[in-house]
Protein backbone atom coordinates (compact mmCIF):
# COMPACT_ATOMS: atom_id res chain seq x y z
CA MET A 1 92.48 136.33 105.67
CA GLU A 2 93.57 132.87 104.35
CA HIS A 3 90.80 130.63 105.73
CA MET A 4 91.79 126.82 106.44
CA LYS A 5 90.54 123.68 107.02
CA GLU A 6 91.98 120.64 108.60
CA VAL A 7 91.81 117.39 106.27
CA THR A 8 92.34 113.65 107.89
CA ARG A 9 93.86 111.33 105.47
CA TYR A 10 94.44 107.77 105.35
CA GLN A 11 97.13 105.83 104.51
CA CYS A 12 97.44 102.00 103.01
CA GLN A 13 99.94 100.36 105.27
CA PHE A 14 100.41 97.76 102.21
CA CYS A 15 99.96 100.44 98.61
CA LYS A 16 101.08 103.70 100.45
CA LYS A 17 97.72 105.40 98.80
CA ASP A 18 95.80 107.82 100.92
CA PHE A 19 92.18 107.98 101.61
CA LYS A 20 89.39 109.67 103.07
CA THR A 21 87.89 107.24 105.13
CA PRO A 22 89.65 105.01 107.32
CA ASP A 23 89.00 100.73 106.50
CA ARG A 24 87.01 100.97 103.40
CA HIS A 25 90.08 99.78 100.89
CA GLN A 26 90.34 96.47 100.11
CA CYS A 27 94.35 96.53 99.42
CA LYS A 28 95.09 93.78 96.53
CA PHE A 29 98.56 93.98 98.23
CA ASN A 30 97.06 92.74 101.71
CA PRO A 31 98.30 89.42 102.53
CA GLU A 32 95.63 88.98 104.67
CA LEU A 33 93.04 88.69 101.55
CA LYS A 34 95.43 86.35 99.90
CA ASN A 35 94.87 87.60 96.33
CA CYS A 36 97.31 86.34 93.26
CA PHE A 37 99.25 89.54 93.85
CA THR A 38 100.65 88.94 97.37
CA CYS A 39 101.41 84.82 96.36
CA LYS A 40 104.93 82.82 95.79
CA ASN A 41 103.44 81.22 93.03
CA LEU A 42 102.62 83.65 90.18
CA LYS A 43 105.12 83.77 87.91
CA GLY A 44 103.44 86.08 85.50
CA TRP A 45 100.29 87.43 83.97
CA ASN A 46 98.69 85.60 80.40
CA GLU A 47 97.43 88.29 78.76
CA GLY A 48 93.58 88.37 78.49
CA GLU A 49 91.76 87.30 75.12
CA GLU A 50 90.72 89.54 72.20
CA TYR A 51 87.09 90.22 71.62
CA SER A 52 85.29 92.25 69.22
CA PHE A 53 81.69 94.05 69.52
CA GLY A 54 80.61 95.54 66.27
CA GLU A 55 83.30 98.36 65.62
CA TRP A 56 84.44 98.33 69.39
CA TYR A 57 87.31 95.84 70.07
CA GLY A 58 88.94 95.38 73.43
CA ARG A 59 90.93 92.63 75.42
CA GLU A 60 90.25 90.97 78.65
CA PRO A 61 92.01 91.75 82.09
CA ASN A 62 95.02 89.75 81.86
CA ILE A 63 95.19 86.53 83.67
CA PRO A 64 97.50 84.94 86.27
CA ASP A 65 100.08 82.94 85.72
CA CYS A 66 100.62 80.26 88.38
CA VAL A 67 103.45 78.00 88.99
CA ALA A 68 101.31 75.86 91.13
CA ILE A 69 98.51 75.29 88.49
CA PRO A 70 99.67 72.38 86.16
CA PRO A 71 99.48 74.51 82.49
CA ASP A 72 96.92 71.64 81.40
CA MET A 73 94.70 72.78 84.23
CA GLN A 74 94.42 76.99 84.12
CA ASP A 75 90.95 77.34 82.85
CA TRP A 76 90.35 80.16 84.71
CA ASN A 77 87.00 81.95 84.94
CA ILE A 78 88.14 85.57 84.48
CA GLU A 79 84.81 87.03 85.34
CA SER A 80 85.34 85.02 89.15
CA ILE A 81 88.57 86.72 89.17
CA LYS A 82 87.13 90.32 88.22
CA ASN A 83 84.11 90.04 90.71
CA THR A 84 86.62 89.16 94.03
CA ASN A 85 89.05 91.79 92.71
CA TYR A 86 91.63 88.96 92.42
CA ASN A 87 90.94 87.76 96.33
CA MET A 88 90.06 84.48 95.40
CA GLN A 89 91.22 82.90 98.53
CA CYS A 90 93.29 80.26 96.68
CA GLU A 91 94.49 76.91 98.22
CA LYS A 92 97.50 77.24 96.29
CA TRP A 93 98.09 80.63 98.42
CA LYS A 94 101.59 81.01 99.85
CA GLN A 95 103.03 84.48 101.05
CA GLY A 96 105.71 86.29 98.63
CA LYS A 97 106.09 89.04 96.43
CA TYR A 98 105.54 89.36 92.99
CA ASP A 99 108.71 90.86 91.49
CA TRP A 100 106.91 93.59 90.10
CA SER A 101 110.27 94.87 87.52
CA GLN A 102 109.79 91.94 85.82
CA ASP A 103 106.87 94.10 83.94
CA TYR A 104 108.53 96.90 83.94
CA GLU A 105 111.21 95.93 81.74
CA GLU A 106 109.32 94.63 79.01
CA ILE A 107 107.18 97.43 78.92
CA ARG A 108 109.78 100.17 79.16
CA GLY A 109 110.78 99.86 76.22
CA LEU A 110 107.19 100.53 74.70
CA PHE A 111 106.83 103.98 75.52
């Protein structure tokens, strides 16, 4: 005799991921959060700086490359970006959609 238990899942309307509990997922694709991922001024990503710690090497997370900010003023503080999960509530934010296919085309040849 098989014993099955009914399980409820909640799906994010933005990223379509499933979760066990409702209202705890802060989706980076939610336009209400006004993050870089949903902004029309995002033109891509600048690679984070490399670092070394003894024998360990790594790279900081990539930083948003924004059309709305002049290149000479793009002094992003990566720690503040990470701490807000890219939910920067930027005053230059405008509703848009980042073309993720650009990233895919760049990395497709690497695998």
